Amino acid sequence: MEVWILEHGTGHSPKPREMSHSWKMLGAAGHGDRHPLFGGAISARIPHSARDISDVREVPDNQEVFAHGHTDQSIIVELLEFESKVEDQDAAKYHFEDIAGSNKALKPGTCDVTSVVPLSKSELSLSECSSAWLLNGAQCVSKFNEEARNAVTIHLGLFRLPQFSTDVLVTFNDPLSISPDSSSISSASGTQSSEPWTVQDFHRLLHSLTLHDPGLFG
């Protein structure tokens, strides 16, 4: 199993305290259980059949990365430096384009934003955010510096926390089409023993994201 990790830019990130990764595979059914992130300072409802990627490869301290156990889908929760020069309504697109730049997906036809909408704070558990945004888009990216490029639908949730100098970014990478020359083709064509994640699963995660310890941000 390989995982889509769309790398973000190299800007400064808050460094969280030591993290705890005590689970291997999350529940195989239901709407996802609440799980600790960044050593328990944050929690969220992670979808079913999720694997913690830090168990198989190194993950940056400012990220929590999960992959579906039987598809190429992945979810990344990351803490990034608050971009004070970027207006709230433009911030989600700013981060989306930063990801596209890291993945060499800025050429015409390789990157597209289909919608950016605000999330109602009254429906969010992360009440500390000044604003929250949901972006939907797509990028054509390669894995592990391969020549083959794959179409990936990207759902991006952004929570702005200026009082902590932090943007919390949650990205759901959902492969739309896999090149026959990609290393992902085997998992894409294999038999799936569990349902893939849905946009509803991702929305559930966003609405459940909760801050328990502001000391995470230093």
N, C-alpha and C. Protein backbone atom coordinates (compact mmCIF):
# COMPACT_ATOMS: atom_id res chain seq x y z
N MET A 1 0.84 -1.19 0.00
CA MET A 1 0.00 0.00 0.00
C MET A 1 0.88 1.24 0.00
N GLU A 2 0.59 2.15 -0.90
CA GLU A 2 1.31 3.42 -0.95
C GLU A 2 0.32 4.53 -0.67
N VAL A 3 0.83 5.68 -0.31
CA VAL A 3 -0.07 6.75 0.13
C VAL A 3 0.25 8.04 -0.60
N TRP A 4 -0.81 8.75 -0.92
CA TRP A 4 -0.64 10.08 -1.48
C TRP A 4 -0.28 11.05 -0.36
N ILE A 5 0.91 11.62 -0.42
CA ILE A 5 1.27 12.69 0.50
C ILE A 5 1.65 13.88 -0.35
N LEU A 6 0.70 14.82 -0.51
CA LEU A 6 0.95 16.01 -1.30
C LEU A 6 1.71 17.00 -0.42
N GLU A 7 2.99 17.16 -0.67
CA GLU A 7 3.84 17.92 0.23
C GLU A 7 3.54 19.40 0.14
N HIS A 8 3.51 20.02 1.31
CA HIS A 8 3.27 21.45 1.40
C HIS A 8 4.59 22.18 1.25
N GLY A 9 4.53 23.50 1.19
CA GLY A 9 5.72 24.32 1.07
C GLY A 9 6.62 24.21 2.28
N THR A 10 7.74 24.89 2.25
CA THR A 10 8.77 24.71 3.27
C THR A 10 8.71 25.80 4.34
N GLY A 11 7.60 26.52 4.44
CA GLY A 11 7.50 27.58 5.43
C GLY A 11 7.59 27.08 6.85
N HIS A 12 7.91 27.97 7.78
CA HIS A 12 8.04 27.61 9.20
C HIS A 12 6.74 27.08 9.72
N SER A 13 6.80 26.05 10.54
CA SER A 13 5.62 25.46 11.16
C SER A 13 5.80 25.41 12.67
N PRO A 14 4.72 25.58 13.44
CA PRO A 14 4.82 25.37 14.89
C PRO A 14 5.26 23.94 15.15
N LYS A 15 6.08 23.74 16.15
CA LYS A 15 6.57 22.39 16.46
C LYS A 15 5.80 21.84 17.65
N PRO A 16 4.94 20.86 17.42
CA PRO A 16 4.17 20.29 18.52
C PRO A 16 5.03 19.44 19.43
N ARG A 17 4.49 19.17 20.61
CA ARG A 17 5.18 18.30 21.55
C ARG A 17 5.22 16.87 21.03
N GLU A 18 5.90 16.00 21.73
CA GLU A 18 6.04 14.61 21.29
C GLU A 18 4.67 13.99 21.05
N MET A 19 4.53 13.27 19.96
CA MET A 19 3.25 12.72 19.57
C MET A 19 3.10 11.28 20.03
N SER A 20 1.86 10.87 20.18
CA SER A 20 1.56 9.49 20.57
C SER A 20 0.85 8.79 19.43
N HIS A 21 1.40 7.68 18.93
CA HIS A 21 0.79 6.93 17.85
C HIS A 21 0.54 5.51 18.36
N SER A 22 -0.57 5.31 19.02
CA SER A 22 -0.80 4.05 19.72
C SER A 22 -1.70 3.09 18.95
N TRP A 23 -2.21 3.51 17.76
CA TRP A 23 -3.08 2.61 17.04
C TRP A 23 -2.48 2.30 15.67
N LYS A 24 -2.78 1.10 15.16
CA LYS A 24 -2.28 0.66 13.87
C LYS A 24 -3.32 0.86 12.78
N MET A 25 -4.52 0.33 13.01
CA MET A 25 -5.60 0.46 12.04
C MET A 25 -6.85 0.87 12.79
N LEU A 26 -7.50 1.95 12.31
CA LEU A 26 -8.70 2.41 12.98
C LEU A 26 -9.88 1.54 12.58
N GLY A 27 -11.03 1.77 13.22
CA GLY A 27 -12.19 0.93 13.04
C GLY A 27 -12.57 0.72 11.59
N ALA A 28 -13.06 -0.45 11.29
CA ALA A 28 -13.40 -0.80 9.91
C ALA A 28 -14.83 -0.44 9.54
N ALA A 29 -15.59 0.07 10.48
CA ALA A 29 -16.98 0.41 10.17
C ALA A 29 -17.38 1.64 10.95
N GLY A 30 -18.60 2.15 10.65
CA GLY A 30 -19.10 3.31 11.37
C GLY A 30 -18.59 4.61 10.79
N HIS A 31 -18.79 5.69 11.53
CA HIS A 31 -18.46 7.02 11.06
C HIS A 31 -17.09 7.48 11.53
N GLY A 32 -16.31 6.59 12.11
CA GLY A 32 -14.99 6.98 12.58
C GLY A 32 -15.04 7.34 14.05
N ASP A 33 -14.00 6.96 14.78
CA ASP A 33 -13.92 7.25 16.20
C ASP A 33 -13.06 8.48 16.43
N ARG A 34 -13.26 9.12 17.57
CA ARG A 34 -12.43 10.27 17.92
C ARG A 34 -11.06 9.77 18.35
N HIS A 35 -10.01 10.34 17.77
CA HIS A 35 -8.65 9.90 18.05
C HIS A 35 -7.76 11.10 18.34
N PRO A 36 -6.76 10.89 19.20
CA PRO A 36 -5.85 11.99 19.55
C PRO A 36 -4.89 12.32 18.41
N LEU A 37 -4.59 13.59 18.25
CA LEU A 37 -3.62 14.08 17.28
C LEU A 37 -2.61 14.94 18.02
N PHE A 38 -1.36 14.89 17.58
CA PHE A 38 -0.30 15.70 18.20
C PHE A 38 -0.26 15.49 19.71
N GLY A 39 -0.16 14.23 20.09
CA GLY A 39 -0.02 13.89 21.49
C GLY A 39 -1.25 14.12 22.33
N GLY A 40 -2.41 14.26 21.68
CA GLY A 40 -3.65 14.47 22.41
C GLY A 40 -4.04 15.93 22.55
N ALA A 41 -3.21 16.85 22.04
CA ALA A 41 -3.54 18.28 22.12
C ALA A 41 -4.73 18.62 21.23
N ILE A 42 -4.95 17.82 20.18
CA ILE A 42 -6.08 17.96 19.27
C ILE A 42 -6.68 16.57 19.11
N SER A 43 -7.98 16.51 18.82
CA SER A 43 -8.59 15.23 18.47
C SER A 43 -9.56 15.45 17.32
N ALA A 44 -9.91 14.36 16.64
CA ALA A 44 -10.87 14.43 15.53
C ALA A 44 -11.40 13.04 15.25
N ARG A 45 -12.50 12.98 14.53
CA ARG A 45 -13.07 11.70 14.11
C ARG A 45 -12.40 11.28 12.80
N ILE A 46 -11.49 10.32 12.89
CA ILE A 46 -10.76 9.82 11.74
C ILE A 46 -11.60 8.73 11.07
N PRO A 47 -11.73 8.73 9.75
CA PRO A 47 -12.58 7.74 9.08
C PRO A 47 -12.13 6.30 9.29
N HIS A 48 -13.01 5.38 9.01
CA HIS A 48 -12.75 3.96 9.14
C HIS A 48 -11.57 3.53 8.27
N SER A 49 -10.98 2.40 8.61
CA SER A 49 -9.93 1.75 7.80
C SER A 49 -8.71 2.64 7.58
N ALA A 50 -8.40 3.51 8.54
CA ALA A 50 -7.26 4.42 8.39
C ALA A 50 -6.00 3.83 9.01
N ARG A 51 -4.89 3.98 8.32
CA ARG A 51 -3.58 3.58 8.84
C ARG A 51 -2.78 4.83 9.18
N ASP A 52 -2.09 4.79 10.29
CA ASP A 52 -1.21 5.88 10.70
C ASP A 52 0.11 5.71 9.96
N ILE A 53 0.41 6.64 9.06
CA ILE A 53 1.58 6.49 8.20
C ILE A 53 2.89 6.64 8.97
N SER A 54 2.88 7.25 10.15
CA SER A 54 4.11 7.35 10.93
C SER A 54 4.61 5.98 11.38
N ASP A 55 3.75 4.96 11.27
CA ASP A 55 4.17 3.60 11.62
C ASP A 55 5.05 2.98 10.54
N VAL A 56 5.00 3.55 9.32
CA VAL A 56 5.74 2.93 8.21
C VAL A 56 6.78 3.86 7.58
N ARG A 57 6.67 5.16 7.82
CA ARG A 57 7.67 6.09 7.30
C ARG A 57 7.70 7.35 8.14
N GLU A 58 8.76 8.11 8.01
CA GLU A 58 8.92 9.32 8.81
C GLU A 58 7.93 10.38 8.35
N VAL A 59 7.29 11.02 9.31
CA VAL A 59 6.33 12.09 9.05
C VAL A 59 6.79 13.34 9.78
N PRO A 60 6.75 14.52 9.16
CA PRO A 60 7.17 15.75 9.84
C PRO A 60 6.41 15.97 11.14
N ASP A 61 7.07 16.62 12.11
CA ASP A 61 6.46 16.83 13.42
C ASP A 61 5.17 17.63 13.35
N ASN A 62 5.02 18.47 12.33
CA ASN A 62 3.83 19.32 12.25
C ASN A 62 2.70 18.66 11.46
N GLN A 63 2.83 17.36 11.17
CA GLN A 63 1.81 16.65 10.41
C GLN A 63 1.34 15.38 11.11
N GLU A 64 0.08 15.05 10.88
CA GLU A 64 -0.47 13.72 11.15
C GLU A 64 -1.00 13.21 9.81
N VAL A 65 -0.58 12.04 9.39
CA VAL A 65 -0.93 11.53 8.06
C VAL A 65 -1.59 10.16 8.20
N PHE A 66 -2.74 10.01 7.55
CA PHE A 66 -3.48 8.74 7.57
C PHE A 66 -3.78 8.32 6.14
N ALA A 67 -3.69 7.03 5.88
CA ALA A 67 -4.02 6.48 4.57
C ALA A 67 -5.10 5.42 4.72
N HIS A 68 -5.99 5.37 3.75
CA HIS A 68 -6.98 4.30 3.72
C HIS A 68 -6.25 2.97 3.57
N GLY A 69 -6.70 1.97 4.28
CA GLY A 69 -6.00 0.70 4.27
C GLY A 69 -6.06 -0.05 2.95
N HIS A 70 -7.01 0.31 2.06
CA HIS A 70 -7.19 -0.48 0.84
C HIS A 70 -7.34 0.37 -0.42
N THR A 71 -7.13 1.68 -0.31
CA THR A 71 -7.16 2.56 -1.48
C THR A 71 -5.96 3.49 -1.40
N ASP A 72 -5.83 4.37 -2.37
CA ASP A 72 -4.74 5.35 -2.36
C ASP A 72 -5.18 6.68 -1.73
N GLN A 73 -6.30 6.69 -1.06
CA GLN A 73 -6.77 7.92 -0.41
C GLN A 73 -5.92 8.23 0.81
N SER A 74 -5.76 9.51 1.12
CA SER A 74 -5.04 9.90 2.33
C SER A 74 -5.63 11.18 2.90
N ILE A 75 -5.39 11.36 4.20
CA ILE A 75 -5.80 12.58 4.90
C ILE A 75 -4.60 13.09 5.68
N ILE A 76 -4.33 14.39 5.55
CA ILE A 76 -3.21 15.02 6.24
C ILE A 76 -3.74 16.16 7.10
N VAL A 77 -3.37 16.16 8.37
CA VAL A 77 -3.65 17.28 9.27
C VAL A 77 -2.31 17.93 9.57
N GLU A 78 -2.19 19.22 9.28
CA GLU A 78 -0.90 19.87 9.52
C GLU A 78 -1.06 21.25 10.12
N LEU A 79 -0.04 21.63 10.90
CA LEU A 79 0.03 22.93 11.55
C LEU A 79 1.03 23.78 10.78
N LEU A 80 0.55 24.93 10.28
CA LEU A 80 1.39 25.80 9.46
C LEU A 80 1.42 27.19 10.05
N GLU A 81 2.46 27.92 9.71
CA GLU A 81 2.57 29.30 10.17
C GLU A 81 1.42 30.13 9.62
N PHE A 82 0.80 30.94 10.45
CA PHE A 82 -0.31 31.80 10.03
C PHE A 82 0.19 32.81 9.00
N GLU A 83 -0.47 32.84 7.86
CA GLU A 83 -0.08 33.77 6.78
C GLU A 83 -0.86 35.07 6.96
N SER A 84 -0.28 35.99 7.72
CA SER A 84 -0.99 37.22 8.08
C SER A 84 -1.23 38.14 6.90
N LYS A 85 -0.45 38.01 5.84
CA LYS A 85 -0.60 38.88 4.67
C LYS A 85 -1.65 38.37 3.70
N VAL A 86 -2.20 37.20 3.99
CA VAL A 86 -3.21 36.61 3.12
C VAL A 86 -4.58 36.79 3.76
N GLU A 87 -5.51 37.40 3.03
CA GLU A 87 -6.87 37.59 3.54
C GLU A 87 -7.55 36.24 3.74
N ASP A 88 -8.46 36.20 4.73
CA ASP A 88 -9.12 34.94 5.07
C ASP A 88 -9.73 34.26 3.85
N GLN A 89 -10.44 35.04 3.01
CA GLN A 89 -11.15 34.45 1.88
C GLN A 89 -10.20 33.92 0.80
N ASP A 90 -8.92 34.31 0.87
CA ASP A 90 -7.93 33.86 -0.11
C ASP A 90 -6.99 32.80 0.45
N ALA A 91 -7.07 32.54 1.74
CA ALA A 91 -6.06 31.70 2.40
C ALA A 91 -6.13 30.25 1.94
N ALA A 92 -7.32 29.68 1.77
CA ALA A 92 -7.43 28.28 1.34
C ALA A 92 -6.80 28.09 -0.03
N LYS A 93 -7.09 29.02 -0.95
CA LYS A 93 -6.50 28.93 -2.29
C LYS A 93 -4.99 29.11 -2.23
N TYR A 94 -4.52 29.98 -1.33
CA TYR A 94 -3.08 30.18 -1.16
C TYR A 94 -2.40 28.86 -0.80
N HIS A 95 -2.96 28.14 0.16
CA HIS A 95 -2.36 26.87 0.59
C HIS A 95 -2.50 25.81 -0.51
N PHE A 96 -3.63 25.82 -1.22
CA PHE A 96 -3.83 24.88 -2.32
C PHE A 96 -2.77 25.08 -3.40
N GLU A 97 -2.49 26.34 -3.74
CA GLU A 97 -1.49 26.63 -4.76
C GLU A 97 -0.08 26.33 -4.27
N ASP A 98 0.13 26.48 -2.97
CA ASP A 98 1.43 26.12 -2.39
C ASP A 98 1.67 24.62 -2.53
N ILE A 99 0.63 23.83 -2.26
CA ILE A 99 0.72 22.38 -2.44
C ILE A 99 0.98 22.06 -3.91
N ALA A 100 0.26 22.74 -4.80
CA ALA A 100 0.43 22.50 -6.24
C ALA A 100 1.86 22.81 -6.67
N GLY A 101 2.44 23.88 -6.13
CA GLY A 101 3.81 24.23 -6.47
C GLY A 101 4.78 23.16 -6.02
N SER A 102 4.57 22.62 -4.83
CA SER A 102 5.44 21.56 -4.32
C SER A 102 5.33 20.30 -5.18
N ASN A 103 4.15 20.10 -5.78
CA ASN A 103 3.92 18.91 -6.59
C ASN A 103 4.07 19.17 -8.09
N LYS A 104 4.63 20.35 -8.43
CA LYS A 104 4.86 20.71 -9.83
C LYS A 104 3.57 20.59 -10.64
N ALA A 105 2.49 21.14 -10.05
CA ALA A 105 1.17 21.04 -10.68
C ALA A 105 0.58 22.42 -10.92
N LEU A 106 1.42 23.38 -11.30
CA LEU A 106 0.95 24.74 -11.53
C LEU A 106 0.79 25.09 -13.01
N LYS A 107 1.20 24.17 -13.90
CA LYS A 107 1.06 24.43 -15.33
C LYS A 107 -0.42 24.40 -15.71
N PRO A 108 -0.79 25.10 -16.79
CA PRO A 108 -2.20 25.09 -17.23
C PRO A 108 -2.70 23.66 -17.42
N GLY A 109 -3.89 23.39 -16.88
CA GLY A 109 -4.48 22.07 -17.01
C GLY A 109 -4.08 21.08 -15.94
N THR A 110 -3.18 21.47 -15.03
CA THR A 110 -2.74 20.54 -13.99
C THR A 110 -3.25 20.92 -12.60
N CYS A 111 -3.96 22.04 -12.49
CA CYS A 111 -4.40 22.53 -11.19
C CYS A 111 -5.68 23.33 -11.37
N ASP A 112 -6.71 23.02 -10.59
CA ASP A 112 -7.99 23.70 -10.75
C ASP A 112 -8.74 23.77 -9.43
N VAL A 113 -9.23 24.96 -9.09
CA VAL A 113 -10.07 25.15 -7.91
C VAL A 113 -11.52 25.26 -8.38
N THR A 114 -12.39 24.40 -7.87
CA THR A 114 -13.78 24.41 -8.30
C THR A 114 -14.68 25.20 -7.35
N SER A 115 -14.32 25.28 -6.06
CA SER A 115 -15.15 26.04 -5.12
C SER A 115 -14.37 26.35 -3.85
N VAL A 116 -14.69 27.49 -3.24
CA VAL A 116 -14.19 27.86 -1.92
C VAL A 116 -15.36 28.46 -1.15
N VAL A 117 -15.72 27.85 -0.03
CA VAL A 117 -16.86 28.35 0.74
C VAL A 117 -16.48 28.43 2.22
N PRO A 118 -17.07 29.38 2.95
CA PRO A 118 -16.81 29.44 4.40
C PRO A 118 -17.55 28.34 5.14
N LEU A 119 -16.98 27.88 6.24
CA LEU A 119 -17.65 26.94 7.12
C LEU A 119 -18.26 27.70 8.29
N SER A 120 -19.46 27.35 8.66
CA SER A 120 -20.13 28.04 9.75
C SER A 120 -19.48 27.69 11.09
N LYS A 121 -19.00 28.68 11.81
CA LYS A 121 -18.34 28.43 13.09
C LYS A 121 -19.29 27.77 14.09
N SER A 122 -20.58 28.05 13.96
CA SER A 122 -21.55 27.48 14.90
C SER A 122 -21.65 25.97 14.77
N GLU A 123 -21.18 25.42 13.65
CA GLU A 123 -21.25 23.98 13.42
C GLU A 123 -19.91 23.29 13.65
N LEU A 124 -18.89 24.05 14.09
CA LEU A 124 -17.55 23.50 14.27
C LEU A 124 -17.23 23.28 15.75
N SER A 125 -16.47 22.23 16.02
CA SER A 125 -15.99 22.01 17.39
C SER A 125 -14.79 22.89 17.69
N LEU A 126 -14.03 23.27 16.66
CA LEU A 126 -12.85 24.12 16.85
C LEU A 126 -13.29 25.58 16.91
N SER A 127 -13.89 25.95 18.04
CA SER A 127 -14.47 27.28 18.20
C SER A 127 -13.42 28.37 18.29
N GLU A 128 -12.16 27.98 18.52
CA GLU A 128 -11.09 28.97 18.66
C GLU A 128 -10.71 29.61 17.33
N CYS A 129 -11.12 29.04 16.20
CA CYS A 129 -10.71 29.60 14.91
C CYS A 129 -11.44 30.91 14.63
N SER A 130 -10.73 31.83 13.97
CA SER A 130 -11.34 33.11 13.60
C SER A 130 -12.22 32.95 12.36
N SER A 131 -11.86 32.01 11.49
CA SER A 131 -12.67 31.66 10.34
C SER A 131 -12.24 30.28 9.86
N ALA A 132 -13.11 29.64 9.08
CA ALA A 132 -12.80 28.32 8.54
C ALA A 132 -13.33 28.24 7.12
N TRP A 133 -12.62 27.50 6.27
CA TRP A 133 -12.93 27.48 4.85
C TRP A 133 -12.82 26.07 4.30
N LEU A 134 -13.63 25.79 3.28
CA LEU A 134 -13.60 24.50 2.58
C LEU A 134 -13.35 24.75 1.11
N LEU A 135 -12.28 24.16 0.60
CA LEU A 135 -11.93 24.28 -0.83
C LEU A 135 -12.03 22.92 -1.49
N ASN A 136 -12.57 22.89 -2.70
CA ASN A 136 -12.58 21.69 -3.52
C ASN A 136 -11.84 21.98 -4.82
N GLY A 137 -10.98 21.06 -5.22
CA GLY A 137 -10.21 21.27 -6.43
C GLY A 137 -9.60 19.97 -6.92
N ALA A 138 -8.69 20.08 -7.86
CA ALA A 138 -8.02 18.90 -8.42
C ALA A 138 -6.63 19.28 -8.87
N GLN A 139 -5.72 18.31 -8.83
CA GLN A 139 -4.36 18.49 -9.32
C GLN A 139 -3.93 17.23 -10.05
N CYS A 140 -3.04 17.39 -11.03
CA CYS A 140 -2.40 16.26 -11.69
C CYS A 140 -1.00 16.14 -11.12
N VAL A 141 -0.75 15.08 -10.38
CA VAL A 141 0.51 14.96 -9.64
C VAL A 141 1.14 13.59 -9.89
N SER A 142 2.42 13.50 -9.59
CA SER A 142 3.13 12.22 -9.66
C SER A 142 3.52 11.81 -8.25
N LYS A 143 3.78 10.53 -8.06
CA LYS A 143 4.21 10.00 -6.77
C LYS A 143 5.68 9.63 -6.82
N PHE A 144 6.38 9.98 -5.77
CA PHE A 144 7.78 9.57 -5.64
C PHE A 144 8.62 9.97 -6.85
N ASN A 145 8.35 11.17 -7.40
CA ASN A 145 9.10 11.70 -8.54
C ASN A 145 8.97 10.85 -9.80
N GLU A 146 7.88 10.11 -9.91
CA GLU A 146 7.64 9.34 -11.12
C GLU A 146 7.26 10.26 -12.28
N GLU A 147 7.46 9.80 -13.51
CA GLU A 147 7.05 10.57 -14.68
C GLU A 147 5.54 10.55 -14.84
N ALA A 148 4.91 9.43 -14.51
CA ALA A 148 3.46 9.29 -14.66
C ALA A 148 2.75 10.25 -13.72
N ARG A 149 1.68 10.89 -14.24
CA ARG A 149 0.91 11.82 -13.43
C ARG A 149 -0.52 11.30 -13.29
N ASN A 150 -1.08 11.53 -12.11
CA ASN A 150 -2.40 11.02 -11.77
C ASN A 150 -3.32 12.17 -11.38
N ALA A 151 -4.58 12.08 -11.74
CA ALA A 151 -5.56 13.10 -11.38
C ALA A 151 -6.07 12.84 -9.97
N VAL A 152 -5.93 13.84 -9.10
CA VAL A 152 -6.31 13.69 -7.70
C VAL A 152 -7.30 14.79 -7.33
N THR A 153 -8.46 14.42 -6.84
CA THR A 153 -9.39 15.39 -6.28
C THR A 153 -8.91 15.76 -4.88
N ILE A 154 -8.88 17.05 -4.60
CA ILE A 154 -8.38 17.52 -3.31
C ILE A 154 -9.47 18.32 -2.60
N HIS A 155 -9.81 17.86 -1.41
CA HIS A 155 -10.73 18.58 -0.54
C HIS A 155 -9.89 19.14 0.61
N LEU A 156 -9.97 20.43 0.82
CA LEU A 156 -9.07 21.09 1.77
C LEU A 156 -9.87 21.91 2.77
N GLY A 157 -9.65 21.65 4.05
CA GLY A 157 -10.27 22.43 5.12
C GLY A 157 -9.22 23.28 5.80
N LEU A 158 -9.51 24.55 5.99
CA LEU A 158 -8.56 25.48 6.61
C LEU A 158 -9.19 26.15 7.82
N PHE A 159 -8.49 26.09 8.95
CA PHE A 159 -8.93 26.75 10.18
C PHE A 159 -7.88 27.79 10.54
N ARG A 160 -8.27 29.06 10.64
CA ARG A 160 -7.33 30.15 10.90
C ARG A 160 -7.31 30.48 12.40
N LEU A 161 -6.12 30.44 12.98
CA LEU A 161 -5.94 30.69 14.41
C LEU A 161 -4.88 31.77 14.60
N PRO A 162 -5.20 33.02 14.29
CA PRO A 162 -4.19 34.09 14.38
C PRO A 162 -3.66 34.29 15.79
N GLN A 163 -4.47 34.01 16.82
CA GLN A 163 -4.01 34.19 18.20
C GLN A 163 -2.90 33.21 18.56
N PHE A 164 -2.77 32.13 17.77
CA PHE A 164 -1.70 31.15 17.97
C PHE A 164 -0.70 31.17 16.81
N SER A 165 -0.83 32.17 15.94
CA SER A 165 0.05 32.31 14.76
C SER A 165 0.06 31.02 13.94
N THR A 166 -1.11 30.40 13.79
CA THR A 166 -1.20 29.08 13.16
C THR A 166 -2.38 28.98 12.20
N ASP A 167 -2.15 28.35 11.07
CA ASP A 167 -3.20 27.87 10.18
C ASP A 167 -3.23 26.35 10.31
N VAL A 168 -4.39 25.80 10.63
CA VAL A 168 -4.55 24.34 10.67
C VAL A 168 -5.15 23.91 9.34
N LEU A 169 -4.41 23.09 8.61
CA LEU A 169 -4.81 22.66 7.28
C LEU A 169 -5.12 21.17 7.30
N VAL A 170 -6.29 20.78 6.79
CA VAL A 170 -6.68 19.38 6.70
C VAL A 170 -6.97 19.07 5.24
N THR A 171 -6.25 18.10 4.68
CA THR A 171 -6.34 17.81 3.25
C THR A 171 -6.76 16.36 3.03
N PHE A 172 -7.77 16.18 2.21
CA PHE A 172 -8.24 14.85 1.81
C PHE A 172 -7.88 14.66 0.34
N ASN A 173 -6.95 13.74 0.07
CA ASN A 173 -6.49 13.46 -1.29
C ASN A 173 -7.21 12.21 -1.80
N ASP A 174 -7.99 12.37 -2.86
CA ASP A 174 -8.84 11.30 -3.36
C ASP A 174 -8.54 11.08 -4.84
N PRO A 175 -7.69 10.09 -5.19
CA PRO A 175 -7.33 9.86 -6.59
C PRO A 175 -8.55 9.63 -7.48
N LEU A 176 -8.58 10.37 -8.59
CA LEU A 176 -9.70 10.29 -9.53
C LEU A 176 -9.38 9.34 -10.67
N SER A 177 -8.15 9.42 -11.18
CA SER A 177 -7.72 8.49 -12.24
C SER A 177 -6.23 8.23 -12.08
N ILE A 178 -5.83 6.98 -12.30
CA ILE A 178 -4.45 6.55 -12.10
C ILE A 178 -3.82 6.21 -13.45
N SER A 179 -2.65 6.77 -13.71
CA SER A 179 -1.93 6.44 -14.94
C SER A 179 -1.52 4.97 -14.92
N PRO A 180 -1.59 4.29 -16.07
CA PRO A 180 -1.15 2.88 -16.13
C PRO A 180 0.32 2.71 -15.76
N ASP A 181 1.10 3.80 -15.88
CA ASP A 181 2.53 3.74 -15.57
C ASP A 181 2.85 4.11 -14.12
N SER A 182 1.83 4.43 -13.33
CA SER A 182 2.04 4.84 -11.95
C SER A 182 2.21 3.63 -11.04
N SER A 183 3.00 3.80 -9.98
CA SER A 183 3.16 2.73 -8.99
C SER A 183 1.86 2.46 -8.24
N SER A 184 0.89 3.36 -8.36
CA SER A 184 -0.39 3.20 -7.67
C SER A 184 -1.37 2.31 -8.40
N ILE A 185 -1.04 1.91 -9.63
CA ILE A 185 -2.01 1.19 -10.44
C ILE A 185 -2.40 -0.14 -9.81
N SER A 186 -1.48 -0.78 -9.07
CA SER A 186 -1.80 -2.07 -8.46
C SER A 186 -2.88 -1.96 -7.41
N SER A 187 -2.79 -0.92 -6.55
CA SER A 187 -3.83 -0.74 -5.53
C SER A 187 -5.13 -0.26 -6.14
N ALA A 188 -5.02 0.51 -7.24
CA ALA A 188 -6.24 1.01 -7.88
C ALA A 188 -7.02 -0.11 -8.54
N SER A 189 -6.32 -1.15 -9.03
CA SER A 189 -6.99 -2.23 -9.73
C SER A 189 -7.27 -3.44 -8.86
N GLY A 190 -6.78 -3.42 -7.61
CA GLY A 190 -6.96 -4.55 -6.72
C GLY A 190 -8.35 -4.60 -6.12
N THR A 191 -8.65 -5.71 -5.50
CA THR A 191 -9.94 -5.88 -4.84
C THR A 191 -9.96 -5.12 -3.52
N GLN A 192 -10.98 -4.30 -3.32
CA GLN A 192 -11.08 -3.52 -2.09
C GLN A 192 -11.94 -4.27 -1.09
N SER A 193 -11.41 -4.43 0.12
CA SER A 193 -12.14 -5.17 1.16
C SER A 193 -12.91 -4.24 2.07
N SER A 194 -12.84 -2.93 1.84
CA SER A 194 -13.64 -1.99 2.62
C SER A 194 -13.99 -0.80 1.74
N GLU A 195 -15.03 -0.08 2.13
CA GLU A 195 -15.50 1.05 1.34
C GLU A 195 -14.49 2.20 1.36
N PRO A 196 -14.35 2.90 0.24
CA PRO A 196 -13.47 4.08 0.23
C PRO A 196 -14.08 5.20 1.08
N TRP A 197 -13.24 6.15 1.47
CA TRP A 197 -13.73 7.30 2.20
C TRP A 197 -14.58 8.18 1.29
N THR A 198 -15.51 8.89 1.90
CA THR A 198 -16.39 9.79 1.16
C THR A 198 -16.16 11.23 1.61
N VAL A 199 -16.71 12.16 0.84
CA VAL A 199 -16.65 13.56 1.22
C VAL A 199 -17.35 13.77 2.56
N GLN A 200 -18.40 13.00 2.82
CA GLN A 200 -19.10 13.09 4.09
C GLN A 200 -18.19 12.70 5.25
N ASP A 201 -17.35 11.67 5.05
CA ASP A 201 -16.38 11.30 6.07
C ASP A 201 -15.44 12.46 6.37
N PHE A 202 -15.01 13.14 5.32
CA PHE A 202 -14.09 14.27 5.48
C PHE A 202 -14.78 15.42 6.21
N HIS A 203 -16.01 15.72 5.85
CA HIS A 203 -16.74 16.80 6.52
C HIS A 203 -16.93 16.47 8.00
N ARG A 204 -17.17 15.20 8.30
CA ARG A 204 -17.32 14.78 9.69
C ARG A 204 -16.05 15.05 10.47
N LEU A 205 -14.91 14.75 9.85
CA LEU A 205 -13.61 15.02 10.49
C LEU A 205 -13.46 16.52 10.76
N LEU A 206 -13.74 17.34 9.76
CA LEU A 206 -13.58 18.79 9.92
C LEU A 206 -14.44 19.33 11.06
N HIS A 207 -15.67 18.90 11.12
CA HIS A 207 -16.59 19.42 12.14
C HIS A 207 -16.24 18.90 13.53
N SER A 208 -15.52 17.79 13.61
CA SER A 208 -15.19 17.21 14.92
C SER A 208 -13.85 17.69 15.47
N LEU A 209 -13.04 18.34 14.64
CA LEU A 209 -11.70 18.77 15.06
C LEU A 209 -11.80 19.63 16.32
N THR A 210 -11.09 19.24 17.37
CA THR A 210 -11.21 19.90 18.68
C THR A 210 -9.83 20.16 19.27
N LEU A 211 -9.65 21.35 19.78
CA LEU A 211 -8.40 21.71 20.47
C LEU A 211 -8.56 21.47 21.97
N HIS A 212 -7.67 20.66 22.55
CA HIS A 212 -7.72 20.37 23.98
C HIS A 212 -6.65 21.10 24.76
N ASP A 213 -5.52 21.39 24.12
CA ASP A 213 -4.39 22.00 24.83
C ASP A 213 -3.72 23.05 23.95
N PRO A 214 -4.01 24.35 24.17
CA PRO A 214 -3.37 25.41 23.38
C PRO A 214 -1.86 25.47 23.53
N GLY A 215 -1.32 24.79 24.56
CA GLY A 215 0.12 24.73 24.73
C GLY A 215 0.82 24.07 23.56
N LEU A 216 0.07 23.39 22.72
CA LEU A 216 0.61 22.79 21.49
C LEU A 216 1.35 23.81 20.64
N PHE A 217 0.85 25.06 20.66
CA PHE A 217 1.37 26.08 19.76
C PHE A 217 2.52 26.87 20.36
N GLY A 218 2.94 26.49 21.57
CA GLY A 218 4.11 27.14 22.18
C GLY A 218 3.75 28.39 22.98
